[in-house]
């Protein structure tokens, strides 16, 4: 975590072994959450999940073990968000058209 601004970038690195070969990773997830920085409290919660020296589960690509992450995407969150957006548009669209016509 770097100080000096109001945006924080938690940095987590980890080492893992696949088929006797050692790898090192720094990527937490597939998407770059907080690419422009996170609030201090959020960054601290991220770091708290990975205490220095602790063991972690690493998810890696069997075809390319050097490609690894610590946090898999939630299989429910994406479709749920798209569904909620669709419902919101179905409701807001006709309301906007009615309001524009008045």
Protein backbone atom coordinates (compact mmCIF):
# COMPACT_ATOMS: atom_id res chain seq x y z
CA UNK A 1 0.00 0.00 0.00
CA UNK A 2 1.46 3.32 -1.01
CA UNK A 3 0.80 6.56 0.83
CA UNK A 4 0.97 10.06 -0.59
CA UNK A 5 -2.51 10.30 -2.06
CA UNK A 6 -6.04 9.36 -1.18
CA UNK A 7 -5.97 6.30 -3.45
CA UNK A 8 -4.36 3.12 -2.15
CA UNK A 9 -3.08 0.17 -4.17
CA UNK A 10 -2.70 -2.94 -2.01
CA UNK A 11 0.08 -5.17 -3.30
CA UNK A 12 0.00 -8.88 -2.58
CA UNK A 13 2.62 -11.33 -3.82
CA UNK A 14 2.62 -15.07 -3.38
CA UNK A 15 4.67 -18.11 -4.30
CA UNK A 16 3.33 -21.48 -5.36
CA UNK A 17 4.57 -24.77 -6.80
CA UNK A 18 3.10 -26.69 -9.73
CA UNK A 19 4.62 -30.02 -10.77
CA UNK A 20 7.77 -29.26 -8.80
CA UNK A 21 8.30 -25.85 -10.42
CA UNK A 22 8.13 -22.67 -8.34
CA UNK A 23 6.13 -19.67 -9.50
CA UNK A 24 5.54 -16.20 -8.13
CA UNK A 25 2.35 -14.19 -8.62
CA UNK A 26 0.98 -10.78 -7.77
CA UNK A 27 -2.45 -10.85 -9.37
CA UNK A 28 -5.43 -11.05 -7.01
CA UNK A 29 -8.28 -11.43 -9.51
CA UNK A 30 -9.13 -11.57 -13.20
CA UNK A 31 -10.51 -8.05 -13.20
CA UNK A 32 -8.58 -5.02 -12.08
CA UNK A 33 -10.76 -3.95 -9.17
CA UNK A 34 -9.70 -0.53 -7.99
CA UNK A 35 -7.31 0.06 -10.87
CA UNK A 36 -7.24 3.76 -10.10
CA UNK A 37 -6.92 3.07 -6.40
CA UNK A 38 -9.06 2.13 -3.44
CA UNK A 39 -10.16 3.92 -0.31
CA UNK A 40 -7.83 3.31 2.62
CA UNK A 41 -10.28 1.11 4.53
CA UNK A 42 -10.99 -1.07 1.49
CA UNK A 43 -7.28 -1.47 0.80
CA UNK A 44 -6.66 -2.42 4.43
CA UNK A 45 -9.42 -5.08 4.25
CA UNK A 46 -7.80 -6.52 1.11
CA UNK A 47 -4.43 -6.76 2.87
CA UNK A 48 -6.04 -8.23 5.99
CA UNK A 49 -7.23 -11.21 3.91
CA UNK A 50 -3.61 -12.05 3.10
CA UNK A 51 -1.42 -11.72 6.21
CA UNK A 52 2.30 -11.81 5.54
CA UNK A 53 3.57 -15.41 5.57
CA UNK A 54 0.12 -17.01 5.51
CA UNK A 55 -0.84 -19.89 3.24
CA UNK A 56 -3.29 -19.06 0.45
CA UNK A 57 -5.17 -21.00 -2.20
CA UNK A 58 -3.89 -20.14 -5.68
CA UNK A 59 -6.00 -20.71 -8.79
CA UNK A 60 -3.82 -21.23 -11.86
CA UNK A 61 -4.30 -22.10 -15.51
CA UNK A 62 -3.28 -25.74 -16.03
CA UNK A 63 -2.12 -24.87 -19.58
CA UNK A 64 -0.03 -21.95 -18.27
CA UNK A 65 0.72 -22.31 -14.55
CA UNK A 66 2.40 -18.89 -14.50
CA UNK A 67 -1.07 -17.34 -14.95
CA UNK A 68 -2.55 -17.37 -11.46
CA UNK A 69 -5.00 -15.48 -9.25
CA UNK A 70 -6.07 -15.61 -5.61
CA UNK A 71 -9.74 -14.64 -6.02
CA UNK A 72 -11.99 -16.42 -8.49
CA UNK A 73 -14.90 -14.45 -9.94
CA UNK A 74 -18.22 -15.03 -8.22
CA UNK A 75 -20.28 -17.10 -10.71
CA UNK A 76 -23.51 -15.57 -9.38
CA UNK A 77 -22.55 -11.88 -9.14
CA UNK A 78 -22.10 -11.23 -12.88
CA UNK A 79 -25.38 -12.72 -14.10
CA UNK A 80 -27.24 -11.21 -11.13
CA UNK A 81 -25.91 -7.74 -11.94
CA UNK A 82 -26.88 -8.11 -15.60
CA UNK A 83 -30.37 -9.26 -14.63
CA UNK A 84 -30.80 -6.31 -12.25
CA UNK A 85 -29.63 -3.90 -14.96
CA UNK A 86 -32.10 -5.41 -17.43
CA UNK A 87 -35.00 -5.06 -14.98
CA UNK A 88 -33.98 -1.47 -14.22
CA UNK A 89 -33.95 -0.63 -17.93
CA UNK A 90 -37.31 -2.30 -18.49
CA UNK A 91 -38.82 -0.17 -15.73
CA UNK A 92 -36.95 3.07 -16.42
CA UNK A 93 -37.42 3.04 -20.20
CA UNK A 94 -41.22 3.30 -20.23
CA UNK A 95 -41.15 5.75 -17.31
CA UNK A 96 -38.72 7.99 -19.16
CA UNK A 97 -40.85 7.83 -22.33
CA UNK A 98 -43.98 8.73 -20.31
CA UNK A 99 -42.18 11.61 -18.58
CA UNK A 100 -40.80 12.93 -21.88
CA UNK A 101 -44.29 12.88 -23.43
CA UNK A 102 -45.85 14.92 -20.58
